[in-house]
């Protein structure tokens, strides 16, 4: 068993590496540029929504509110007419990346922490690189990737978008595993 304090360097370095790799994926590579499309008649839709002053939050439309209300013919008619959707509303103003990037980095630290912790519980100091790589990588992939599938299952996100993000998660897991294996404490 390897104590978590002995793994602080691998945790932080792997988080930094994943953060840097994710920056390259999203700023240099172009395969995520089709994840979101432009809504038809964007200006008209935005103008129509603006008058409602919708507070920040997540919304579904039409909204039933309960399983019983979903049986109401009015709700069924709204669904038939459409559109049906999910909407996340953010506060007005130019988007800033600072807070999101900080949260992403902390998430990378958390994923690396769990990957290192699980490997540390399963392996001893001086464990073979490949053993560390396999355990840390599998754990990191579960942290970065598996929950993304829910977005397509429940919220109807395009499967292509979700699978691209799962592919990214595999890259992040490999980087995490490689870093933790590289910096694994010796015997």
Foldseek 3Di string as FASTA:
>chain_A
DADLVLQLVLLLVLLVVLLVVVCCCPPPNDPLVVQDDQDPPNVVVCVVVVVVVDDFDKDWPPDQPDPVSCPDVVRVVDVVVDDTAMDGDDDDDDDDCVVVSVVSSVLSSVLLSQLLVQLRVVDDAAPALVSSLVSSLVSQLVSQADVLVVCCVPRVRPPSNNVVSSVSSSVSSNSSSNSSSVSGGHD
